[in-house]
Amino acid sequence: MPAILKTIVFCTANADHGQSALIRAFAEAAGRSAKAGRVVVVGGPAPDAGVSPAWSWRSGGDPDMGAVMTELESEGYGLALVDLPPVGGSDADPDFGFADLIVLPVEPDPDTVGRVGGVLGGIERKAIPFVFVIHRADPESDAVGAVVMALAQYGTICPVIIPHENGPRRQKPSEDDQVTRVLDYLLARMDRLARRAAALTPVAPDERRRFPRWSCDLPAIMVHDGKRIPCTIIDTGGGGMAVDCDSPAPDGAHITIEAEILGTVFGEVRYVNGTRMGFMFTMDASAQTDLCFRMADAIERSSVRRSRVS
C-alpha cells in the first residue's frame, strides 16, 4: 500500500536565514527516524556528494507542486520537505495549497517580525497551518525571549529552540539533537491537525484580532481578594485569557490564575459578562516568554481550535 505523503514547506522572507542548511539537517534527521518514512527534499540547492540516502533532490522551472506531490506519493515517499525561495512583500502569494504544514524558520534578530509579516499574508489567505521554528539561537539570550514575545501574537512557536553551534555559549543538547526533537514535534503536530481537521473552525478575516486566540477547556483556580475560586480557562492567546467563573472578579481587578499546565498567571480584568471574565496579562517580559511556551504545550495537548472571542 503506497505511503501517505506528508508535506512540510519551509519559507522565509530573507535569503540569509540558512533555510536550505536547516532543511538538509531535517532531511538527515528524518533519514534516521522510523516515523518519517522515505524522505525527499524538493527545491533548494543540489546536495553535496556523500549526503545521506534520505536526501533526494528535484527542481526546475515552475512545476505544478500538487502534481509533484502526487507523483512523490505514488513513488512511496512518506515525507516531502519543500525549500521555497524567499518570499517578500505583503502582496506575495506563493503556492502554499499543497502543504500540510508551513515552517517559518526565524533567527533571533530585531528585524525578524518585520520580515515574517510579508510571508504571513499569503499563508493566511490559503488557511494553511504554520509554526515558527527558532534556530541559530542561543536559548539563554535575551534576544530569544524578545523574539518569542513578538512572534506569539502571530501564531504557534515550536517549543524547541535549535542552537547556533558556533554561538558564544554552545548549548547541550546539540544542534542535531534539537533538530530531531523539532522534527518529532512537527510530525506529531501534523498528525494532530489531521485528526482535528473536521473540528477546525476557520476565522473570518474581519474577525481576526491582534493576538491569535484558541478556545480550550482547562480547569484552574482564580485568586482574588484572598479567595481561591474554581474556574475554567475557555480562551487564551498571546495577550490575555478568558475564564468562566461563578464569582468573577470586577472590572479592573488584579487577579492570579493557577492552572496545572500553564502555572501561575497574573492579569488585570478588562471585562465581565455574566460568568465570563476576560483579562490581559500583567507579567514582565521574561514571565510572558515562559508562558508562551507553556501555552504552546497546552494548546498541543488540549482539544483546541482557533476562535474569535465574542
Protein backbone atom coordinates (compact mmCIF):
# COMPACT_ATOMS: atom_id res chain seq x y z
CA MET A 1 0.00 0.00 0.00
CA PRO A 2 1.51 3.39 -1.00
CA ALA A 3 2.66 5.69 1.78
CA ILE A 4 0.56 8.75 2.61
CA LEU A 5 2.81 11.71 1.86
CA LYS A 6 3.21 14.45 4.46
CA THR A 7 4.42 17.77 3.07
CA ILE A 8 6.28 20.40 5.11
CA VAL A 9 7.01 23.66 3.32
CA PHE A 10 9.83 25.87 4.59
CA CYS A 11 9.52 29.55 3.80
CA THR A 12 11.34 32.72 4.87
CA ALA A 13 11.41 36.33 3.77
CA ASN A 14 15.20 36.54 3.75
CA ALA A 15 17.74 34.57 1.72
CA ASP A 16 20.29 34.78 4.54
CA HIS A 17 18.28 32.73 7.04
CA GLY A 18 20.08 29.43 6.39
CA GLN A 19 16.86 27.75 5.32
CA SER A 20 18.43 25.23 2.92
CA ALA A 21 21.02 24.15 5.50
CA LEU A 22 18.26 23.74 8.07
CA ILE A 23 16.19 21.61 5.67
CA ARG A 24 19.22 19.44 5.00
CA ALA A 25 19.57 18.88 8.75
CA PHE A 26 15.88 17.93 8.94
CA ALA A 27 16.27 15.53 6.00
CA GLU A 28 19.20 13.80 7.64
CA ALA A 29 17.30 13.58 10.95
CA ALA A 30 14.28 12.16 9.12
CA GLY A 31 16.51 9.56 7.49
CA ARG A 32 17.36 8.30 10.98
CA SER A 33 13.71 8.25 12.09
CA ALA A 34 11.31 5.38 11.55
CA LYS A 35 8.40 7.84 11.84
CA ALA A 36 9.08 9.76 8.63
CA GLY A 37 9.34 7.01 6.01
CA ARG A 38 11.18 7.78 2.78
CA VAL A 39 12.22 11.42 2.63
CA VAL A 40 12.56 13.74 -0.35
CA VAL A 41 13.70 17.36 -0.47
CA VAL A 42 12.07 19.42 -3.20
CA GLY A 43 13.78 22.57 -4.45
CA GLY A 44 16.77 24.35 -2.98
CA PRO A 45 20.39 23.85 -4.00
CA ALA A 46 21.63 20.46 -5.18
CA PRO A 47 23.05 18.37 -2.33
CA ASP A 48 26.75 17.74 -1.90
CA ALA A 49 28.20 14.35 -2.68
CA GLY A 50 28.01 11.88 0.17
CA VAL A 51 24.78 13.19 1.65
CA SER A 52 22.60 10.67 3.49
CA PRO A 53 20.49 8.43 1.20
CA ALA A 54 17.45 10.04 2.82
CA TRP A 55 18.27 13.15 0.81
CA SER A 56 16.78 13.36 -2.64
CA TRP A 57 16.52 16.43 -4.86
CA ARG A 58 14.28 17.74 -7.59
CA SER A 59 13.99 21.18 -9.13
CA GLY A 60 13.49 23.01 -12.35
CA GLY A 61 11.19 25.69 -13.71
CA ASP A 62 7.90 26.44 -12.01
CA PRO A 63 6.31 23.00 -11.60
CA ASP A 64 2.76 22.15 -10.60
CA MET A 65 3.57 21.33 -6.99
CA GLY A 66 0.32 19.48 -6.44
CA ALA A 67 1.20 17.16 -9.31
CA VAL A 68 4.75 16.79 -7.97
CA MET A 69 3.43 15.73 -4.56
CA THR A 70 1.06 13.22 -6.15
CA GLU A 71 3.95 11.71 -8.09
CA LEU A 72 6.15 11.52 -5.00
CA GLU A 73 3.39 9.83 -3.03
CA SER A 74 2.93 7.26 -5.79
CA GLU A 75 6.66 6.53 -5.60
CA GLY A 76 6.36 5.67 -1.92
CA TYR A 77 7.74 8.78 -0.24
CA GLY A 78 6.39 9.46 3.24
CA LEU A 79 7.75 12.97 3.85
CA ALA A 80 8.48 15.86 1.49
CA LEU A 81 10.49 18.84 2.72
CA VAL A 82 9.93 21.72 0.31
CA ASP A 83 12.51 24.51 0.11
CA LEU A 84 10.67 27.55 -1.26
CA PRO A 85 12.57 30.63 -2.45
CA PRO A 86 12.41 33.66 -0.12
CA VAL A 87 9.03 35.39 -0.11
CA GLY A 88 8.76 39.14 0.42
CA GLY A 89 6.13 41.84 0.44
CA SER A 90 2.64 41.88 1.90
CA ASP A 91 1.14 41.07 -1.52
CA ALA A 92 3.30 37.97 -2.03
CA ASP A 93 1.13 35.00 -2.91
CA PRO A 94 3.21 31.83 -3.33
CA ASP A 95 1.60 28.46 -3.97
CA PHE A 96 1.06 27.02 -0.48
CA GLY A 97 -2.01 24.95 -1.34
CA PHE A 98 -0.14 21.63 -1.50
CA ALA A 99 1.34 21.99 2.02
CA ASP A 100 0.22 20.10 5.12
CA LEU A 101 2.27 22.39 7.35
CA ILE A 102 4.38 25.50 6.79
CA VAL A 103 7.54 26.08 8.83
CA LEU A 104 8.83 29.63 9.18
CA PRO A 105 12.49 29.47 10.31
CA VAL A 106 13.32 32.50 12.42
CA GLU A 107 16.62 33.79 13.75
CA PRO A 108 16.56 35.94 16.90
CA ASP A 109 17.32 39.37 15.48
CA PRO A 110 15.48 42.72 15.77
CA ASP A 111 14.09 42.67 12.22
CA THR A 112 12.51 39.21 12.43
CA VAL A 113 8.89 40.24 12.90
CA GLY A 114 9.06 42.81 10.11
CA ARG A 115 10.35 40.20 7.68
CA VAL A 116 7.91 37.41 8.53
CA GLY A 117 4.94 39.76 8.27
CA GLY A 118 5.18 39.71 4.49
CA VAL A 119 5.08 35.91 4.43
CA LEU A 120 2.12 35.52 6.76
CA GLY A 121 -0.34 37.28 4.45
CA GLY A 122 -0.06 34.59 1.78
CA ILE A 123 -0.19 31.80 4.36
CA GLU A 124 -3.35 33.15 5.99
CA ARG A 125 -5.06 33.61 2.62
CA LYS A 126 -4.52 29.89 1.97
CA ALA A 127 -5.53 28.96 5.56
CA ILE A 128 -2.57 26.57 5.89
CA PRO A 129 -1.36 25.69 9.42
CA PHE A 130 2.05 27.14 10.21
CA VAL A 131 4.59 27.15 13.02
CA PHE A 132 7.61 29.30 13.80
CA VAL A 133 10.90 27.46 14.43
CA ILE A 134 13.62 29.50 16.13
CA HIS A 135 17.11 28.45 15.03
CA ARG A 136 20.69 29.71 15.00
CA ALA A 137 19.98 30.87 18.53
CA ASP A 138 21.46 30.97 22.00
CA PRO A 139 18.49 29.73 24.06
CA GLU A 140 19.69 31.71 27.09
CA SER A 141 19.94 35.06 25.30
CA ASP A 142 17.60 37.99 25.85
CA ALA A 143 17.13 38.19 22.07
CA VAL A 144 15.35 34.82 22.02
CA GLY A 145 12.90 35.98 24.68
CA ALA A 146 12.17 39.17 22.76
CA VAL A 147 11.54 37.28 19.51
CA VAL A 148 9.25 34.78 21.24
CA MET A 149 7.14 37.61 22.63
CA ALA A 150 7.00 39.32 19.24
CA LEU A 151 6.03 36.17 17.34
CA ALA A 152 3.46 34.98 19.90
CA GLN A 153 0.94 37.49 18.56
CA TYR A 154 1.05 35.84 15.13
CA GLY A 155 0.84 32.10 15.80
CA THR A 156 2.33 28.91 17.22
CA ILE A 157 6.01 28.76 18.15
CA CYS A 158 7.79 25.42 18.31
CA PRO A 159 8.81 24.99 21.97
CA VAL A 160 12.19 23.51 20.96
CA ILE A 161 14.92 26.02 20.02
CA ILE A 162 17.72 24.95 17.67
CA PRO A 163 21.02 26.37 18.96
CA HIS A 164 23.74 28.02 16.92
CA GLU A 165 26.65 25.58 17.02
CA ASN A 166 29.15 28.42 16.64
CA GLY A 167 27.44 30.74 19.10
CA PRO A 168 29.13 32.32 22.13
CA ARG A 169 27.54 29.82 24.52
CA ARG A 170 27.36 26.45 22.82
CA GLN A 171 24.48 24.56 24.35
CA LYS A 172 23.80 20.92 25.11
CA PRO A 173 21.85 19.11 23.77
CA SER A 174 23.49 19.63 20.41
CA GLU A 175 22.03 21.13 17.26
CA ASP A 176 21.45 17.63 15.83
CA ASP A 177 19.58 16.58 18.98
CA GLN A 178 17.35 19.63 18.82
CA VAL A 179 16.68 19.23 15.09
CA THR A 180 15.47 15.69 15.80
CA ARG A 181 13.22 16.97 18.60
CA VAL A 182 11.78 19.67 16.33
CA LEU A 183 11.13 17.11 13.59
CA ASP A 184 9.30 14.86 16.06
CA TYR A 185 7.25 17.88 17.15
CA LEU A 186 6.34 18.76 13.54
CA LEU A 187 5.34 15.20 12.65
CA ALA A 188 3.23 14.89 15.79
CA ARG A 189 1.64 18.26 15.09
CA MET A 190 0.63 17.18 11.57
CA ASP A 191 -0.92 14.02 12.98
CA ARG A 192 -2.93 16.06 15.49
CA LEU A 193 -4.00 18.55 12.83
CA ALA A 194 -5.20 15.72 10.61
CA ARG A 195 -7.25 14.24 13.45
CA ARG A 196 -8.79 17.61 14.28
CA ALA A 197 -9.41 18.76 10.71
CA ALA A 198 -13.14 18.08 10.88
CA ALA A 199 -13.46 20.15 14.06
CA LEU A 200 -11.46 23.18 12.95
CA THR A 201 -13.44 26.40 12.52
CA PRO A 202 -11.75 28.97 10.22
CA VAL A 203 -11.57 32.55 11.43
CA ALA A 204 -13.07 35.06 9.02
CA PRO A 205 -10.68 37.90 8.03
CA ASP A 206 -12.88 40.54 9.70
CA GLU A 207 -12.90 38.53 12.94
CA ARG A 208 -9.14 38.36 13.42
CA ARG A 209 -7.66 40.02 16.46
CA ARG A 210 -4.17 41.36 17.01
CA PHE A 211 -3.37 38.26 19.08
CA PRO A 212 -4.47 34.81 17.83
CA ARG A 213 -6.95 33.11 20.16
CA TRP A 214 -7.64 29.47 20.92
CA SER A 215 -10.69 28.06 22.64
CA CYS A 216 -9.90 25.47 25.28
CA ASP A 217 -11.23 23.83 28.43
CA LEU A 218 -8.61 23.98 31.20
CA PRO A 219 -9.53 23.77 34.91
CA ALA A 220 -7.92 26.49 37.03
CA ILE A 221 -8.13 28.46 40.27
CA MET A 222 -8.66 32.22 40.39
CA VAL A 223 -7.12 34.00 43.37
CA HIS A 224 -8.69 37.38 44.20
CA ASP A 225 -9.19 39.30 47.41
CA GLY A 226 -7.80 36.42 49.45
CA LYS A 227 -10.24 33.89 47.99
CA ARG A 228 -9.48 30.84 45.83
CA ILE A 229 -12.31 30.31 43.36
CA PRO A 230 -12.54 27.39 40.87
CA CYS A 231 -12.81 28.49 37.25
CA THR A 232 -12.27 27.22 33.71
CA ILE A 233 -9.97 28.81 31.13
CA ILE A 234 -12.12 28.91 27.98
CA ASP A 235 -9.98 31.08 25.71
CA THR A 236 -6.32 32.04 25.61
CA GLY A 237 -3.90 33.90 23.38
CA GLY A 238 -0.73 35.96 23.33
CA GLY A 239 -2.22 38.92 25.19
CA GLY A 240 -4.70 37.53 27.68
CA MET A 241 -7.29 34.93 28.66
CA ALA A 242 -10.98 34.46 29.21
CA VAL A 243 -12.31 32.33 32.04
CA ASP A 244 -15.71 31.10 33.16
CA CYS A 245 -16.28 31.54 36.88
CA ASP A 246 -19.32 31.53 39.18
CA SER A 247 -17.91 34.53 41.09
CA PRO A 248 -15.93 36.67 38.62
CA ALA A 249 -13.72 39.50 39.84
CA PRO A 250 -14.83 43.05 38.97
CA ASP A 251 -13.56 45.02 36.00
CA GLY A 252 -10.10 46.45 36.75
CA ALA A 253 -9.28 43.92 39.47
CA HIS A 254 -5.82 42.35 39.59
CA ILE A 255 -6.08 38.57 39.75
CA THR A 256 -3.96 35.43 39.73
CA ILE A 257 -4.84 32.31 37.76
CA GLU A 258 -3.31 28.97 38.71
CA ALA A 259 -3.51 26.11 36.19
CA GLU A 260 -1.66 22.80 36.21
CA ILE A 261 -0.33 23.11 32.66
CA LEU A 262 0.21 26.88 32.50
CA GLY A 263 1.43 27.51 36.03
CA THR A 264 0.72 30.88 37.66
CA VAL A 265 -0.59 33.73 35.50
CA PHE A 266 -1.14 37.34 36.57
CA GLY A 267 -3.60 39.69 34.92
CA GLU A 268 -5.96 42.65 35.08
CA VAL A 269 -9.67 42.13 34.41
CA ARG A 270 -10.83 44.04 31.33
CA TYR A 271 -14.44 42.90 31.00
CA VAL A 272 -17.08 40.85 32.82
CA ASN A 273 -20.08 39.34 31.03
CA GLY A 274 -22.17 37.15 33.30
CA THR A 275 -19.91 34.33 34.48
CA ARG A 276 -17.39 35.08 31.73
CA MET A 277 -14.41 37.27 32.55
CA GLY A 278 -11.57 38.43 30.30
CA PHE A 279 -8.22 39.75 31.45
CA MET A 280 -4.92 40.91 29.98
CA PHE A 281 -1.57 39.60 31.18
CA THR A 282 0.44 41.84 33.51
CA MET A 283 3.64 39.76 33.90
CA ASP A 284 7.06 41.04 32.88
CA ALA A 285 8.59 40.08 29.52
CA SER A 286 10.52 37.10 30.89
CA ALA A 287 7.44 35.60 32.55
CA GLN A 288 5.37 36.15 29.40
CA THR A 289 8.05 34.37 27.35
CA ASP A 290 7.82 31.34 29.63
CA LEU A 291 4.03 31.48 29.44
CA CYS A 292 4.12 31.47 25.62
CA PHE A 293 5.99 28.17 25.63
CA ARG A 294 3.65 26.69 28.25
CA MET A 295 0.66 27.81 26.19
CA ALA A 296 2.12 26.17 23.07
CA ASP A 297 2.38 22.92 25.01
CA ALA A 298 -1.13 23.28 26.46
CA ILE A 299 -2.60 24.03 23.03
CA GLU A 300 -0.98 20.93 21.58
CA ARG A 301 -2.21 18.76 24.46
CA SER A 302 -5.76 20.08 24.53
CA SER A 303 -8.57 19.79 22.02
CA VAL A 304 -8.38 23.38 20.81
CA ARG A 305 -9.26 25.44 17.78
CA ARG A 306 -8.71 28.98 16.61
CA SER A 307 -11.68 31.07 17.64
CA ARG A 308 -12.98 34.58 17.95
CA VAL A 309 -13.66 35.99 21.38
CA SER A 310 -17.15 37.42 21.36
